[in-house]
């Protein structure tokens, strides 16, 4: 690259350009920014990087929570070590005193020992052993600390990261589109498999008799239910799939109908039904007004006809 050529030229020049040459060497590292153009082609890698970057704030507060918990238990255990030293005196010849000095010699040392106990840096039985020798009651307390950290705090930390990753995945447009397309392709494949298995005569169309006979099996019903399709009213379902009313369904009709009818009623389905109901209601109102107007005209003409022909006045059936 141009940066490499300039750097090589400066290396062969006078020593006064040594600082400039170092600057160009540093600039060569900026070429790593081109990796970002490659990352977008690897969805899994991009997802992991974005999850790590977006979870930094959550990671900070999780570390604060862990630090507070370690501080509380470290202060308590530091008081235990202090009381032991006050009772044992300044002598450090006892093994218990040496262990307490090693594991709980100060606040920082105590917090570090507890962190090592929960992170695998040390076997938690080693820092617990001198506490049990001081008093057996401190053993269960230390076990409670391990349980709280492992099954409580650390699980909360992991759950926070999982929640952050899930939130990032829900915001990743490309991942959502790819996942939806993958699910649609899988659903279409399962529908086609069902159609070909139900088409016993291999005619390319599915009749009501074939559809009914294939649904007699409980396994087939369960499989069809797994496709988010209700088979409790099989004949009604077949009529909905049979768009042209030919009493047979092609694979395209079957696939399109299953894609349209799968799942429960959504808001858009209810809205479309409400819109069609309002539209038909309006048409019925206009039809009623039209018929009422026509009836009024017919009645007025019959009355006029009756006035012109008096012999029709007593004909109640015609005027009614």
C-alpha atoms as a PDB file:
ATOM      1  CA  UNK A   1       0.000   0.000   0.000  1.00  0.00           C
ATOM      2  CA  UNK A   2       0.978   3.650  -0.147  1.00  0.00           C
ATOM      3  CA  UNK A   3       1.631   3.730   3.585  1.00  0.00           C
ATOM      4  CA  UNK A   4       4.021   0.772   3.288  1.00  0.00           C
ATOM      5  CA  UNK A   5       5.925   2.402   0.418  1.00  0.00           C
ATOM      6  CA  UNK A   6       6.343   5.681   2.316  1.00  0.00           C
ATOM      7  CA  UNK A   7       7.430   3.805   5.454  1.00  0.00           C
ATOM      8  CA  UNK A   8      10.099   1.889   3.556  1.00  0.00           C
ATOM      9  CA  UNK A   9      11.403   5.077   1.968  1.00  0.00           C
ATOM     10  CA  UNK A  10      11.663   6.767   5.360  1.00  0.00           C
ATOM     11  CA  UNK A  11      13.473   3.794   6.866  1.00  0.00           C
ATOM     12  CA  UNK A  12      16.229   4.155   4.250  1.00  0.00           C
ATOM     13  CA  UNK A  13      16.511   7.923   4.702  1.00  0.00           C
ATOM     14  CA  UNK A  14      18.319   9.993   7.345  1.00  0.00           C
ATOM     15  CA  UNK A  15      17.813   9.254  11.066  1.00  0.00           C
ATOM     16  CA  UNK A  16      15.906  12.528  11.531  1.00  0.00           C
ATOM     17  CA  UNK A  17      12.921  10.886   9.866  1.00  0.00           C
ATOM     18  CA  UNK A  18      12.828   8.088  12.455  1.00  0.00           C
ATOM     19  CA  UNK A  19       9.899   9.643  14.339  1.00  0.00           C
ATOM     20  CA  UNK A  20       7.914  10.072  11.139  1.00  0.00           C
ATOM     21  CA  UNK A  21       8.648   6.479  10.210  1.00  0.00           C
ATOM     22  CA  UNK A  22       7.278   5.317  13.551  1.00  0.00           C
ATOM     23  CA  UNK A  23       4.130   7.330  12.949  1.00  0.00           C
ATOM     24  CA  UNK A  24       3.585   5.571   9.631  1.00  0.00           C
ATOM     25  CA  UNK A  25       4.164   2.216  11.301  1.00  0.00           C
ATOM     26  CA  UNK A  26       1.403   3.049  13.728  1.00  0.00           C
ATOM     27  CA  UNK A  27      -0.848   4.084  10.861  1.00  0.00           C
ATOM     28  CA  UNK A  28      -0.436   0.640   9.366  1.00  0.00           C
ATOM     29  CA  UNK A  29      -2.461  -0.763  12.234  1.00  0.00           C
ATOM     30  CA  UNK A  30      -5.460   1.288  11.107  1.00  0.00           C
ATOM     31  CA  UNK A  31      -5.741  -1.051   8.173  1.00  0.00           C
ATOM     32  CA  UNK A  32      -7.350  -3.454  10.620  1.00  0.00           C
ATOM     33  CA  UNK A  33     -10.459  -1.274  10.347  1.00  0.00           C
ATOM     34  CA  UNK A  34     -11.095  -2.954   7.029  1.00  0.00           C
ATOM     35  CA  UNK A  35     -12.086  -6.048   8.988  1.00  0.00           C
ATOM     36  CA  UNK A  36     -15.383  -4.307   9.781  1.00  0.00           C
ATOM     37  CA  UNK A  37     -16.353  -4.633   6.132  1.00  0.00           C
ATOM     38  CA  UNK A  38     -15.827  -8.379   6.334  1.00  0.00           C
ATOM     39  CA  UNK A  39     -17.636  -8.848   9.659  1.00  0.00           C
ATOM     40  CA  UNK A  40     -21.004  -7.871   8.194  1.00  0.00           C
ATOM     41  CA  UNK A  41     -20.870 -10.980   6.002  1.00  0.00           C
ATOM     42  CA  UNK A  42     -20.604 -13.232   9.079  1.00  0.00           C
ATOM     43  CA  UNK A  43     -23.869 -12.846  10.972  1.00  0.00           C
ATOM     44  CA  UNK A  44     -22.828 -14.976  13.962  1.00  0.00           C
ATOM     45  CA  UNK A  45     -19.583 -13.059  14.464  1.00  0.00           C
ATOM     46  CA  UNK A  46     -21.377  -9.736  14.091  1.00  0.00           C
ATOM     47  CA  UNK A  47     -23.992 -10.837  16.591  1.00  0.00           C
ATOM     48  CA  UNK A  48     -21.363 -11.819  19.176  1.00  0.00           C
ATOM     49  CA  UNK A  49     -19.435  -8.551  18.775  1.00  0.00           C
ATOM     50  CA  UNK A  50     -22.556  -6.413  19.028  1.00  0.00           C
ATOM     51  CA  UNK A  51     -23.715  -8.403  22.063  1.00  0.00           C
ATOM     52  CA  UNK A  52     -20.393  -7.778  23.823  1.00  0.00           C
ATOM     53  CA  UNK A  53     -20.339  -4.065  22.980  1.00  0.00           C
ATOM     54  CA  UNK A  54     -23.975  -3.468  23.875  1.00  0.00           C
ATOM     55  CA  UNK A  55     -23.705  -5.334  27.178  1.00  0.00           C
ATOM     56  CA  UNK A  56     -20.850  -3.221  28.549  1.00  0.00           C
ATOM     57  CA  UNK A  57     -23.159  -1.093  30.672  1.00  0.00           C
ATOM     58  CA  UNK A  58     -24.865  -4.203  32.048  1.00  0.00           C
ATOM     59  CA  UNK A  59     -21.455  -5.759  32.670  1.00  0.00           C
ATOM     60  CA  UNK A  60     -20.369  -2.716  34.672  1.00  0.00           C
ATOM     61  CA  UNK A  61     -23.351  -2.893  37.032  1.00  0.00           C
ATOM     62  CA  UNK A  62     -22.982  -6.660  37.356  1.00  0.00           C
ATOM     63  CA  UNK A  63     -19.366  -6.163  38.416  1.00  0.00           C
ATOM     64  CA  UNK A  64     -20.511  -3.537  40.896  1.00  0.00           C
ATOM     65  CA  UNK A  65     -23.000  -6.022  42.358  1.00  0.00           C
ATOM     66  CA  UNK A  66     -20.326  -8.708  42.630  1.00  0.00           C
ATOM     67  CA  UNK A  67     -17.889  -6.260  44.211  1.00  0.00           C
ATOM     68  CA  UNK A  68     -20.447  -5.180  46.830  1.00  0.00           C
ATOM     69  CA  UNK A  69     -21.227  -8.800  47.702  1.00  0.00           C
ATOM     70  CA  UNK A  70     -17.541  -9.644  47.978  1.00  0.00           C
ATOM     71  CA  UNK A  71     -16.966  -6.556  50.112  1.00  0.00           C
ATOM     72  CA  UNK A  72     -19.703  -7.467  52.603  1.00  0.00           C
ATOM     73  CA  UNK A  73     -18.440 -11.022  53.091  1.00  0.00           C
ATOM     74  CA  UNK A  74     -14.789  -9.912  53.082  1.00  0.00           C
ATOM     75  CA  UNK A  75     -15.425  -7.446  55.917  1.00  0.00           C
ATOM     76  CA  UNK A  76     -17.192 -10.135  57.921  1.00  0.00           C
ATOM     77  CA  UNK A  77     -14.378 -12.665  57.436  1.00  0.00           C
ATOM     78  CA  UNK A  78     -11.753 -10.003  58.105  1.00  0.00           C
ATOM     79  CA  UNK A  79     -13.357  -9.398  61.487  1.00  0.00           C
ATOM     80  CA  UNK A  80     -13.143 -13.126  62.175  1.00  0.00           C
ATOM     81  CA  UNK A  81      -9.416 -13.109  61.403  1.00  0.00           C
ATOM     82  CA  UNK A  82      -8.881 -10.001  63.535  1.00  0.00           C
ATOM     83  CA  UNK A  83     -10.608 -11.560  66.547  1.00  0.00           C
ATOM     84  CA  UNK A  84      -8.502 -14.689  66.141  1.00  0.00           C
ATOM     85  CA  UNK A  85      -5.273 -12.694  66.074  1.00  0.00           C
ATOM     86  CA  UNK A  86      -6.352 -10.716  69.144  1.00  0.00           C
ATOM     87  CA  UNK A  87      -6.957 -13.943  71.062  1.00  0.00           C
ATOM     88  CA  UNK A  88      -3.907 -15.832  69.765  1.00  0.00           C
ATOM     89  CA  UNK A  89      -1.551 -12.910  70.208  1.00  0.00           C
ATOM     90  CA  UNK A  90       1.268 -11.947  67.895  1.00  0.00           C
ATOM     91  CA  UNK A  91       2.513 -15.509  67.466  1.00  0.00           C
ATOM     92  CA  UNK A  92       2.295 -16.678  63.844  1.00  0.00           C
ATOM     93  CA  UNK A  93       3.643 -20.154  64.439  1.00  0.00           C
ATOM     94  CA  UNK A  94       0.240 -21.846  64.313  1.00  0.00           C
ATOM     95  CA  UNK A  95      -0.874 -23.139  60.941  1.00  0.00           C
ATOM     96  CA  UNK A  96      -4.321 -21.603  61.420  1.00  0.00           C
ATOM     97  CA  UNK A  97      -2.823 -18.162  61.921  1.00  0.00           C
ATOM     98  CA  UNK A  98      -0.623 -18.560  58.868  1.00  0.00           C
ATOM     99  CA  UNK A  99      -3.607 -19.626  56.733  1.00  0.00           C
ATOM    100  CA  UNK A 100      -5.714 -16.762  58.000  1.00  0.00           C
ATOM    101  CA  UNK A 101      -2.871 -14.386  57.280  1.00  0.00           C
ATOM    102  CA  UNK A 102      -2.539 -15.834  53.791  1.00  0.00           C
ATOM    103  CA  UNK A 103      -6.234 -15.795  52.878  1.00  0.00           C
ATOM    104  CA  UNK A 104      -7.610 -12.938  54.994  1.00  0.00           C
ATOM    105  CA  UNK A 105      -4.620 -10.728  55.753  1.00  0.00           C
ATOM    106  CA  UNK A 106      -6.395  -7.563  54.616  1.00  0.00           C
ATOM    107  CA  UNK A 107      -9.488  -6.246  52.869  1.00  0.00           C
ATOM    108  CA  UNK A 108      -8.013  -6.586  49.392  1.00  0.00           C
ATOM    109  CA  UNK A 109      -6.622 -10.036  50.198  1.00  0.00           C
ATOM    110  CA  UNK A 110      -9.983 -11.172  51.578  1.00  0.00           C
ATOM    111  CA  UNK A 111     -11.910  -9.940  48.541  1.00  0.00           C
ATOM    112  CA  UNK A 112      -9.362 -11.540  46.212  1.00  0.00           C
ATOM    113  CA  UNK A 113      -9.604 -14.850  48.082  1.00  0.00           C
ATOM    114  CA  UNK A 114     -13.389 -14.843  47.851  1.00  0.00           C
ATOM    115  CA  UNK A 115     -13.252 -13.995  44.145  1.00  0.00           C
ATOM    116  CA  UNK A 116     -10.819 -16.846  43.562  1.00  0.00           C
ATOM    117  CA  UNK A 117     -13.178 -19.166  45.448  1.00  0.00           C
ATOM    118  CA  UNK A 118     -16.137 -18.383  43.140  1.00  0.00           C
ATOM    119  CA  UNK A 119     -14.202 -18.067  39.879  1.00  0.00           C
ATOM    120  CA  UNK A 120     -12.128 -21.246  40.038  1.00  0.00           C
ATOM    121  CA  UNK A 121      -8.849 -19.544  40.866  1.00  0.00           C
ATOM    122  CA  UNK A 122      -8.670 -21.607  44.043  1.00  0.00           C
ATOM    123  CA  UNK A 123     -10.507 -24.539  45.538  1.00  0.00           C
ATOM    124  CA  UNK A 124     -13.058 -22.943  47.863  1.00  0.00           C
ATOM    125  CA  UNK A 125     -12.321 -25.622  50.458  1.00  0.00           C
ATOM    126  CA  UNK A 126      -8.859 -24.125  51.035  1.00  0.00           C
ATOM    127  CA  UNK A 127      -9.997 -20.658  52.211  1.00  0.00           C
ATOM    128  CA  UNK A 128     -12.827 -22.275  54.204  1.00  0.00           C
ATOM    129  CA  UNK A 129     -10.546 -24.632  56.145  1.00  0.00           C
ATOM    130  CA  UNK A 130      -8.945 -22.044  58.520  1.00  0.00           C
ATOM    131  CA  UNK A 131     -12.380 -20.516  59.188  1.00  0.00           C
ATOM    132  CA  UNK A 132     -13.752 -23.895  60.280  1.00  0.00           C
ATOM    133  CA  UNK A 133     -10.772 -24.395  62.578  1.00  0.00           C
ATOM    134  CA  UNK A 134     -11.466 -21.025  64.204  1.00  0.00           C
ATOM    135  CA  UNK A 135     -15.137 -21.898  64.733  1.00  0.00           C
ATOM    136  CA  UNK A 136     -17.313 -24.599  63.063  1.00  0.00           C
ATOM    137  CA  UNK A 137     -20.113 -22.073  62.515  1.00  0.00           C
ATOM    138  CA  UNK A 138     -18.090 -20.235  59.870  1.00  0.00           C
ATOM    139  CA  UNK A 139     -18.131 -23.302  57.612  1.00  0.00           C
ATOM    140  CA  UNK A 140     -21.886 -23.125  56.834  1.00  0.00           C
ATOM    141  CA  UNK A 141     -21.596 -19.348  56.455  1.00  0.00           C
ATOM    142  CA  UNK A 142     -18.871 -19.780  53.843  1.00  0.00           C
ATOM    143  CA  UNK A 143     -20.957 -22.454  52.063  1.00  0.00           C
ATOM    144  CA  UNK A 144     -23.898 -20.020  52.017  1.00  0.00           C
ATOM    145  CA  UNK A 145     -21.630 -17.436  50.407  1.00  0.00           C
ATOM    146  CA  UNK A 146     -20.650 -19.911  47.672  1.00  0.00           C
ATOM    147  CA  UNK A 147     -24.299 -20.834  47.067  1.00  0.00           C
ATOM    148  CA  UNK A 148     -25.405 -17.204  46.920  1.00  0.00           C
ATOM    149  CA  UNK A 149     -22.680 -16.303  44.445  1.00  0.00           C
ATOM    150  CA  UNK A 150     -22.975 -19.358  42.226  1.00  0.00           C
ATOM    151  CA  UNK A 151     -26.735 -19.882  42.168  1.00  0.00           C
ATOM    152  CA  UNK A 152     -27.786 -16.279  42.685  1.00  0.00           C
ATOM    153  CA  UNK A 153     -25.473 -13.473  41.672  1.00  0.00           C
ATOM    154  CA  UNK A 154     -23.568 -15.214  38.878  1.00  0.00           C
ATOM    155  CA  UNK A 155     -26.771 -16.602  37.384  1.00  0.00           C
ATOM    156  CA  UNK A 156     -28.194 -13.091  37.370  1.00  0.00           C
ATOM    157  CA  UNK A 157     -25.093 -11.927  35.521  1.00  0.00           C
ATOM    158  CA  UNK A 158     -25.455 -14.683  32.929  1.00  0.00           C
ATOM    159  CA  UNK A 159     -29.172 -13.948  32.596  1.00  0.00           C
ATOM    160  CA  UNK A 160     -28.405 -10.287  32.000  1.00  0.00           C
ATOM    161  CA  UNK A 161     -26.061 -11.162  29.168  1.00  0.00           C
ATOM    162  CA  UNK A 162     -28.600 -13.559  27.674  1.00  0.00           C
ATOM    163  CA  UNK A 163     -31.320 -10.896  27.846  1.00  0.00           C
ATOM    164  CA  UNK A 164     -29.007  -8.381  26.196  1.00  0.00           C
ATOM    165  CA  UNK A 165     -28.127 -10.841  23.446  1.00  0.00           C
ATOM    166  CA  UNK A 166     -31.814 -11.578  22.859  1.00  0.00           C
ATOM    167  CA  UNK A 167     -32.587  -7.879  22.652  1.00  0.00           C
ATOM    168  CA  UNK A 168     -29.785  -7.344  20.146  1.00  0.00           C
ATOM    169  CA  UNK A 169     -31.011 -10.271  18.073  1.00  0.00           C
ATOM    170  CA  UNK A 170     -34.505  -8.760  18.001  1.00  0.00           C
ATOM    171  CA  UNK A 171     -33.046  -5.470  16.721  1.00  0.00           C
ATOM    172  CA  UNK A 172     -30.848  -7.024  14.051  1.00  0.00           C
ATOM    173  CA  UNK A 173     -32.884  -6.488  10.905  1.00  0.00           C
ATOM    174  CA  UNK A 174     -30.844  -8.777   8.715  1.00  0.00           C
ATOM    175  CA  UNK A 175     -30.988 -11.559  11.283  1.00  0.00           C
ATOM    176  CA  UNK A 176     -34.755 -11.156  11.647  1.00  0.00           C
ATOM    177  CA  UNK A 177     -35.304 -11.268   7.890  1.00  0.00           C
ATOM    178  CA  UNK A 178     -33.036 -14.280   7.512  1.00  0.00           C
ATOM    179  CA  UNK A 179     -34.721 -16.111  10.399  1.00  0.00           C
ATOM    180  CA  UNK A 180     -38.205 -15.382   9.038  1.00  0.00           C
ATOM    181  CA  UNK A 181     -37.248 -16.587   5.556  1.00  0.00           C
ATOM    182  CA  UNK A 182     -35.730 -19.729   7.030  1.00  0.00           C
ATOM    183  CA  UNK A 183     -38.903 -20.448   9.012  1.00  0.00           C
ATOM    184  CA  UNK A 184     -41.083 -19.843   5.945  1.00  0.00           C
ATOM    185  CA  UNK A 185     -38.968 -22.206   3.855  1.00  0.00           C
ATOM    186  CA  UNK A 186     -39.129 -24.855   6.567  1.00  0.00           C
ATOM    187  CA  UNK A 187     -42.912 -24.434   6.859  1.00  0.00           C
ATOM    188  CA  UNK A 188     -43.369 -24.714   3.094  1.00  0.00           C
ATOM    189  CA  UNK A 189     -41.287 -27.880   3.048  1.00  0.00           C
ATOM    190  CA  UNK A 190     -43.402 -29.456   5.790  1.00  0.00           C
ATOM    191  CA  UNK A 191     -46.641 -28.478   3.997  1.00  0.00           C
ATOM    192  CA  UNK A 192     -45.419 -29.989   0.731  1.00  0.00           C
ATOM    193  CA  UNK A 193     -44.436 -33.170   2.543  1.00  0.00           C
ATOM    194  CA  UNK A 194     -47.918 -33.411   4.044  1.00  0.00           C
ATOM    195  CA  UNK A 195     -49.533 -32.827   0.640  1.00  0.00           C
ATOM    196  CA  UNK A 196     -47.496 -35.503  -1.134  1.00  0.00           C
ATOM    197  CA  UNK A 197     -48.176 -38.019   1.632  1.00  0.00           C
ATOM    198  CA  UNK A 198     -51.932 -37.318   1.527  1.00  0.00           C
ATOM    199  CA  UNK A 199     -52.077 -37.497  -2.280  1.00  0.00           C
ATOM    200  CA  UNK A 200     -52.496 -41.262  -2.444  1.00  0.00           C
ATOM    201  CA  UNK A 201     -53.144 -41.503  -6.198  1.00  0.00           C
ATOM    202  CA  UNK A 202     -50.228 -39.151  -6.991  1.00  0.00           C
ATOM    203  CA  UNK A 203     -52.439 -37.047  -9.239  1.00  0.00           C
ATOM    204  CA  UNK A 204     -51.045 -33.730  -8.083  1.00  0.00           C
ATOM    205  CA  UNK A 205     -54.393 -32.759  -6.545  1.00  0.00           C
ATOM    206  CA  UNK A 206     -55.862 -33.546  -3.159  1.00  0.00           C
ATOM    207  CA  UNK A 207     -59.532 -34.494  -2.991  1.00  0.00           C
ATOM    208  CA  UNK A 208     -61.763 -34.303   0.043  1.00  0.00           C
ATOM    209  CA  UNK A 209     -61.837 -38.100   0.323  1.00  0.00           C
ATOM    210  CA  UNK A 210     -58.038 -38.298   0.375  1.00  0.00           C
ATOM    211  CA  UNK A 211     -57.803 -35.423   2.828  1.00  0.00           C
ATOM    212  CA  UNK A 212     -60.392 -36.987   5.152  1.00  0.00           C
ATOM    213  CA  UNK A 213     -58.837 -40.452   4.963  1.00  0.00           C
ATOM    214  CA  UNK A 214     -55.372 -39.113   5.704  1.00  0.00           C
ATOM    215  CA  UNK A 215     -56.605 -37.182   8.758  1.00  0.00           C
ATOM    216  CA  UNK A 216     -58.088 -40.296  10.374  1.00  0.00           C
ATOM    217  CA  UNK A 217     -54.725 -41.069  11.935  1.00  0.00           C
ATOM    218  CA  UNK A 218     -54.018 -39.433  15.305  1.00  0.00           C
ATOM    219  CA  UNK A 219     -50.366 -39.001  14.375  1.00  0.00           C
ATOM    220  CA  UNK A 220     -51.328 -37.117  11.220  1.00  0.00           C
ATOM    221  CA  UNK A 221     -53.710 -34.898  13.177  1.00  0.00           C
ATOM    222  CA  UNK A 222     -50.977 -34.132  15.687  1.00  0.00           C
ATOM    223  CA  UNK A 223     -48.552 -33.361  12.866  1.00  0.00           C
ATOM    224  CA  UNK A 224     -51.103 -31.085  11.197  1.00  0.00           C
ATOM    225  CA  UNK A 225     -51.699 -29.351  14.520  1.00  0.00           C
ATOM    226  CA  UNK A 226     -47.948 -28.762  14.763  1.00  0.00           C
ATOM    227  CA  UNK A 227     -48.265 -26.761  11.547  1.00  0.00           C
ATOM    228  CA  UNK A 228     -50.529 -24.291  13.427  1.00  0.00           C
ATOM    229  CA  UNK A 229     -53.631 -25.511  11.573  1.00  0.00           C
ATOM    230  CA  UNK A 230     -56.856 -26.480  13.335  1.00  0.00           C
ATOM    231  CA  UNK A 231     -58.276 -29.766  12.070  1.00  0.00           C
ATOM    232  CA  UNK A 232     -61.234 -29.958  14.455  1.00  0.00           C
ATOM    233  CA  UNK A 233     -63.475 -29.020  11.497  1.00  0.00           C
ATOM    234  CA  UNK A 234     -61.700 -30.733   8.641  1.00  0.00           C
ATOM    235  CA  UNK A 235     -64.424 -30.228   6.038  1.00  0.00           C
ATOM    236  CA  UNK A 236     -64.617 -26.506   6.703  1.00  0.00           C
ATOM    237  CA  UNK A 237     -60.845 -26.323   6.505  1.00  0.00           C
ATOM    238  CA  UNK A 238     -60.871 -28.137   3.170  1.00  0.00           C
ATOM    239  CA  UNK A 239     -63.503 -25.748   1.810  1.00  0.00           C
ATOM    240  CA  UNK A 240     -61.350 -22.809   2.828  1.00  0.00           C
ATOM    241  CA  UNK A 241     -58.403 -24.381   1.041  1.00  0.00           C
ATOM    242  CA  UNK A 242     -60.475 -25.160  -2.060  1.00  0.00           C
ATOM    243  CA  UNK A 243     -60.581 -21.647  -3.476  1.00  0.00           C
ATOM    244  CA  UNK A 244     -62.107 -22.497  -6.878  1.00  0.00           C
ATOM    245  CA  UNK A 245     -64.722 -24.909  -5.428  1.00  0.00           C
ATOM    246  CA  UNK A 246     -63.632 -27.861  -7.575  1.00  0.00           C
ATOM    247  CA  UNK A 247     -63.667 -30.302  -4.631  1.00  0.00           C
ATOM    248  CA  UNK A 248     -59.943 -30.802  -5.171  1.00  0.00           C
ATOM    249  CA  UNK A 249     -56.951 -28.787  -4.031  1.00  0.00           C
ATOM    250  CA  UNK A 250     -53.748 -28.325  -5.994  1.00  0.00           C
ATOM    251  CA  UNK A 251     -50.441 -28.026  -4.253  1.00  0.00           C
ATOM    252  CA  UNK A 252     -50.365 -24.285  -4.883  1.00  0.00           C
ATOM    253  CA  UNK A 253     -53.838 -23.817  -3.389  1.00  0.00           C
ATOM    254  CA  UNK A 254     -52.953 -26.049  -0.474  1.00  0.00           C
ATOM    255  CA  UNK A 255     -49.701 -24.221   0.204  1.00  0.00           C
ATOM    256  CA  UNK A 256     -51.209 -20.758  -0.138  1.00  0.00           C
ATOM    257  CA  UNK A 257     -54.218 -21.676   2.005  1.00  0.00           C
ATOM    258  CA  UNK A 258     -52.091 -23.196   4.781  1.00  0.00           C
ATOM    259  CA  UNK A 259     -49.842 -20.143   4.822  1.00  0.00           C
ATOM    260  CA  UNK A 260     -52.923 -17.948   5.102  1.00  0.00           C
ATOM    261  CA  UNK A 261     -54.798 -20.000   7.704  1.00  0.00           C
ATOM    262  CA  UNK A 262     -51.976 -21.043  10.023  1.00  0.00           C
ATOM    263  CA  UNK A 263     -51.949 -19.794  13.600  1.00  0.00           C
ATOM    264  CA  UNK A 264     -54.630 -17.946  15.489  1.00  0.00           C
ATOM    265  CA  UNK A 265     -56.573 -14.919  14.344  1.00  0.00           C
ATOM    266  CA  UNK A 266     -54.277 -11.909  14.275  1.00  0.00           C
ATOM    267  CA  UNK A 267     -55.105  -8.251  14.598  1.00  0.00           C
ATOM    268  CA  UNK A 268     -54.967  -7.776  10.850  1.00  0.00           C
ATOM    269  CA  UNK A 269     -57.439 -10.629  10.334  1.00  0.00           C
ATOM    270  CA  UNK A 270     -59.860  -9.166  12.857  1.00  0.00           C
ATOM    271  CA  UNK A 271     -59.437  -5.701  11.338  1.00  0.00           C
ATOM    272  CA  UNK A 272     -60.114  -7.016   7.828  1.00  0.00           C
ATOM    273  CA  UNK A 273     -63.195  -8.873   9.058  1.00  0.00           C
ATOM    274  CA  UNK A 274     -64.445  -5.746  10.842  1.00  0.00           C
ATOM    275  CA  UNK A 275     -63.812  -3.650   7.733  1.00  0.00           C
ATOM    276  CA  UNK A 276     -65.692  -6.102   5.502  1.00  0.00           C
ATOM    277  CA  UNK A 277     -68.570  -6.226   7.998  1.00  0.00           C
ATOM    278  CA  UNK A 278     -68.823  -2.443   8.019  1.00  0.00           C
ATOM    279  CA  UNK A 279     -68.663  -2.375   4.233  1.00  0.00           C
ATOM    280  CA  UNK A 280     -71.438  -4.964   3.891  1.00  0.00           C
ATOM    281  CA  UNK A 281     -73.480  -3.191   6.558  1.00  0.00           C
ATOM    282  CA  UNK A 282     -73.241   0.030   4.601  1.00  0.00           C
ATOM    283  CA  UNK A 283     -74.260  -1.752   1.424  1.00  0.00           C
ATOM    284  CA  UNK A 284     -77.273  -3.267   3.183  1.00  0.00           C
ATOM    285  CA  UNK A 285     -78.288   0.177   4.498  1.00  0.00           C
ATOM    286  CA  UNK A 286     -78.043   1.680   1.023  1.00  0.00           C
ATOM    287  CA  UNK A 287     -79.967  -1.264  -0.436  1.00  0.00           C
ATOM    288  CA  UNK A 288     -82.708  -0.824   2.177  1.00  0.00           C
ATOM    289  CA  UNK A 289     -82.955   2.902   1.413  1.00  0.00           C
ATOM    290  CA  UNK A 290     -83.098   2.138  -2.304  1.00  0.00           C
ATOM    291  CA  UNK A 291     -85.852  -0.448  -1.839  1.00  0.00           C
ATOM    292  CA  UNK A 292     -87.791   1.874   0.454  1.00  0.00           C
ATOM    293  CA  UNK A 293     -87.601   4.627  -2.143  1.00  0.00           C
ATOM    294  CA  UNK A 294     -88.803   2.277  -4.884  1.00  0.00           C
ATOM    295  CA  UNK A 295     -91.665   1.033  -2.733  1.00  0.00           C
ATOM    296  CA  UNK A 296     -92.720   4.611  -2.005  1.00  0.00           C
ATOM    297  CA  UNK A 297     -92.716   5.373  -5.715  1.00  0.00           C
ATOM    298  CA  UNK A 298     -94.771   2.261  -6.459  1.00  0.00           C
ATOM    299  CA  UNK A 299     -97.225   3.162  -3.709  1.00  0.00           C
ATOM    300  CA  UNK A 300     -97.593   6.725  -4.970  1.00  0.00           C
ATOM    301  CA  UNK A 301     -98.190   5.498  -8.525  1.00  0.00           C
ATOM    302  CA  UNK A 302    -100.785   2.989  -7.322  1.00  0.00           C
ATOM    303  CA  UNK A 303    -102.568   5.750  -5.413  1.00  0.00           C
ATOM    304  CA  UNK A 304    -102.539   7.928  -8.509  1.00  0.00           C
ATOM    305  CA  UNK A 305    -103.828   5.021 -10.580  1.00  0.00           C
ATOM    306  CA  UNK A 306    -106.596   4.448  -8.046  1.00  0.00           C
ATOM    307  CA  UNK A 307    -107.670   8.081  -8.238  1.00  0.00           C
ATOM    308  CA  UNK A 308    -107.886   7.889 -12.017  1.00  0.00           C
ATOM    309  CA  UNK A 309    -109.779   4.590 -11.900  1.00  0.00           C
ATOM    310  CA  UNK A 310    -112.258   4.792  -9.008  1.00  0.00           C
ATOM    311  CA  UNK A 311    -113.201   1.149  -9.421  1.00  0.00           C
ATOM    312  CA  UNK A 312    -109.784   0.236  -7.986  1.00  0.00           C
ATOM    313  CA  UNK A 313    -110.248   2.247  -4.764  1.00  0.00           C
ATOM    314  CA  UNK A 314    -111.881  -0.600  -2.904  1.00  0.00           C
ATOM    315  CA  UNK A 315    -109.156  -3.074  -3.898  1.00  0.00           C
ATOM    316  CA  UNK A 316    -107.245  -3.175  -0.632  1.00  0.00           C
ATOM    317  CA  UNK A 317    -104.873  -5.876  -1.788  1.00  0.00           C
ATOM    318  CA  UNK A 318    -103.407  -3.735  -4.534  1.00  0.00           C
ATOM    319  CA  UNK A 319    -103.088  -0.637  -2.347  1.00  0.00           C
ATOM    320  CA  UNK A 320    -101.566  -2.547   0.576  1.00  0.00           C
END
